[in-house]
């Protein structure tokens, strides 16, 4: 295995990681901004007000997107496992 192949698999792993974590991070960002804006407008500085909506939104997104995430991870893992015999040649 040369460095080009190793670099390809590292790039694929990073792409898969970004694709899988993207919806969760995006949701946390949007909900966090909305809650922060609400706290700034109402002058409520409750710690749980910032934490609970994020957890609920991430859990909802995880429930909705988990089949897609599992498919992406399974496809990547299958590709890696299918490539292993070519490395030992």
C-alpha atoms as a PDB file:
ATOM      1  CA  UNK A   1       0.000   0.000   0.000  1.00  0.00           C
ATOM      2  CA  UNK A   2       1.493   3.291  -1.046  1.00  0.00           C
ATOM      3  CA  UNK A   3       0.899   6.721   0.416  1.00  0.00           C
ATOM      4  CA  UNK A   4      -1.715   7.631  -2.212  1.00  0.00           C
ATOM      5  CA  UNK A   5      -3.958   4.775  -1.123  1.00  0.00           C
ATOM      6  CA  UNK A   6      -3.499   5.596   2.548  1.00  0.00           C
ATOM      7  CA  UNK A   7      -4.284   9.241   1.862  1.00  0.00           C
ATOM      8  CA  UNK A   8      -7.413   8.224  -0.052  1.00  0.00           C
ATOM      9  CA  UNK A   9      -8.728   6.180   2.885  1.00  0.00           C
ATOM     10  CA  UNK A  10      -7.945   8.949   5.363  1.00  0.00           C
ATOM     11  CA  UNK A  11      -9.827  11.430   3.168  1.00  0.00           C
ATOM     12  CA  UNK A  12     -12.775   9.044   2.890  1.00  0.00           C
ATOM     13  CA  UNK A  13     -12.830   8.573   6.660  1.00  0.00           C
ATOM     14  CA  UNK A  14     -12.869  12.338   7.198  1.00  0.00           C
ATOM     15  CA  UNK A  15     -15.672  12.762   4.634  1.00  0.00           C
ATOM     16  CA  UNK A  16     -17.746  10.068   6.313  1.00  0.00           C
ATOM     17  CA  UNK A  17     -17.154  11.577   9.755  1.00  0.00           C
ATOM     18  CA  UNK A  18     -18.255  15.015   8.544  1.00  0.00           C
ATOM     19  CA  UNK A  19     -21.320  13.584   6.817  1.00  0.00           C
ATOM     20  CA  UNK A  20     -22.368  11.629   9.893  1.00  0.00           C
ATOM     21  CA  UNK A  21     -21.750  14.333  12.488  1.00  0.00           C
ATOM     22  CA  UNK A  22     -22.894  17.267  10.316  1.00  0.00           C
ATOM     23  CA  UNK A  23     -26.641  17.091  11.007  1.00  0.00           C
ATOM     24  CA  UNK A  24     -26.038  16.776  14.746  1.00  0.00           C
ATOM     25  CA  UNK A  25     -23.607  19.700  14.913  1.00  0.00           C
ATOM     26  CA  UNK A  26     -25.809  21.834  12.677  1.00  0.00           C
ATOM     27  CA  UNK A  27     -28.823  21.171  14.853  1.00  0.00           C
ATOM     28  CA  UNK A  28     -26.904  21.970  18.034  1.00  0.00           C
ATOM     29  CA  UNK A  29     -25.647  25.204  16.463  1.00  0.00           C
ATOM     30  CA  UNK A  30     -29.087  26.383  15.331  1.00  0.00           C
ATOM     31  CA  UNK A  31     -30.834  25.467  18.586  1.00  0.00           C
ATOM     32  CA  UNK A  32     -28.019  27.030  20.610  1.00  0.00           C
ATOM     33  CA  UNK A  33     -28.284  30.285  18.675  1.00  0.00           C
ATOM     34  CA  UNK A  34     -32.057  30.386  19.079  1.00  0.00           C
ATOM     35  CA  UNK A  35     -31.863  29.701  22.811  1.00  0.00           C
ATOM     36  CA  UNK A  36     -29.078  32.263  23.256  1.00  0.00           C
ATOM     37  CA  UNK A  37     -31.105  34.859  21.398  1.00  0.00           C
ATOM     38  CA  UNK A  38     -34.133  34.051  23.571  1.00  0.00           C
ATOM     39  CA  UNK A  39     -32.009  34.352  26.720  1.00  0.00           C
ATOM     40  CA  UNK A  40     -30.560  37.681  25.588  1.00  0.00           C
ATOM     41  CA  UNK A  41     -34.003  39.089  24.813  1.00  0.00           C
ATOM     42  CA  UNK A  42     -35.622  37.936  28.054  1.00  0.00           C
ATOM     43  CA  UNK A  43     -32.546  38.314  30.329  1.00  0.00           C
ATOM     44  CA  UNK A  44     -33.051  34.762  31.611  1.00  0.00           C
ATOM     45  CA  UNK A  45     -29.701  33.201  32.461  1.00  0.00           C
ATOM     46  CA  UNK A  46     -30.764  29.683  33.388  1.00  0.00           C
ATOM     47  CA  UNK A  47     -28.144  27.013  32.562  1.00  0.00           C
ATOM     48  CA  UNK A  48     -30.663  24.253  31.890  1.00  0.00           C
ATOM     49  CA  UNK A  49     -32.506  26.460  29.432  1.00  0.00           C
ATOM     50  CA  UNK A  50     -29.469  26.324  27.159  1.00  0.00           C
ATOM     51  CA  UNK A  51     -28.799  22.614  27.674  1.00  0.00           C
ATOM     52  CA  UNK A  52     -32.181  20.839  27.597  1.00  0.00           C
ATOM     53  CA  UNK A  53     -33.419  22.097  24.184  1.00  0.00           C
ATOM     54  CA  UNK A  54     -30.116  21.126  22.553  1.00  0.00           C
ATOM     55  CA  UNK A  55     -30.274  17.612  23.985  1.00  0.00           C
ATOM     56  CA  UNK A  56     -33.878  17.160  22.888  1.00  0.00           C
ATOM     57  CA  UNK A  57     -33.212  18.494  19.389  1.00  0.00           C
ATOM     58  CA  UNK A  58     -30.118  16.321  18.945  1.00  0.00           C
ATOM     59  CA  UNK A  59     -32.024  13.256  20.181  1.00  0.00           C
ATOM     60  CA  UNK A  60     -34.819  13.983  17.688  1.00  0.00           C
ATOM     61  CA  UNK A  61     -32.372  14.458  14.802  1.00  0.00           C
ATOM     62  CA  UNK A  62     -30.464  11.333  15.824  1.00  0.00           C
ATOM     63  CA  UNK A  63     -33.706   9.370  15.838  1.00  0.00           C
ATOM     64  CA  UNK A  64     -34.645  10.741  12.415  1.00  0.00           C
ATOM     65  CA  UNK A  65     -31.235  10.420  10.722  1.00  0.00           C
ATOM     66  CA  UNK A  66     -29.891   7.269  12.379  1.00  0.00           C
ATOM     67  CA  UNK A  67     -30.851   4.905   9.492  1.00  0.00           C
ATOM     68  CA  UNK A  68     -29.037   7.148   7.019  1.00  0.00           C
ATOM     69  CA  UNK A  69     -26.009   7.473   9.320  1.00  0.00           C
ATOM     70  CA  UNK A  70     -25.875   3.723   9.814  1.00  0.00           C
ATOM     71  CA  UNK A  71     -26.031   3.190   6.042  1.00  0.00           C
ATOM     72  CA  UNK A  72     -23.153   5.625   5.458  1.00  0.00           C
ATOM     73  CA  UNK A  73     -21.012   3.977   8.147  1.00  0.00           C
ATOM     74  CA  UNK A  74     -21.863   0.475   6.896  1.00  0.00           C
ATOM     75  CA  UNK A  75     -20.954   1.365   3.307  1.00  0.00           C
ATOM     76  CA  UNK A  76     -17.626   2.833   4.435  1.00  0.00           C
ATOM     77  CA  UNK A  77     -16.824  -0.172   6.609  1.00  0.00           C
ATOM     78  CA  UNK A  78     -17.714  -2.553   3.785  1.00  0.00           C
ATOM     79  CA  UNK A  79     -15.421  -0.626   1.442  1.00  0.00           C
ATOM     80  CA  UNK A  80     -12.558  -0.816   3.923  1.00  0.00           C
ATOM     81  CA  UNK A  81     -13.087  -4.537   4.541  1.00  0.00           C
ATOM     82  CA  UNK A  82     -13.253  -5.253   0.808  1.00  0.00           C
ATOM     83  CA  UNK A  83      -9.993  -3.379   0.302  1.00  0.00           C
ATOM     84  CA  UNK A  84      -8.040  -5.336   2.936  1.00  0.00           C
ATOM     85  CA  UNK A  85      -7.247  -8.329   0.625  1.00  0.00           C
ATOM     86  CA  UNK A  86      -5.765  -5.959  -1.963  1.00  0.00           C
ATOM     87  CA  UNK A  87      -3.332  -4.611   0.631  1.00  0.00           C
ATOM     88  CA  UNK A  88      -1.837  -8.038   1.334  1.00  0.00           C
ATOM     89  CA  UNK A  89      -0.993  -8.748  -2.320  1.00  0.00           C
END
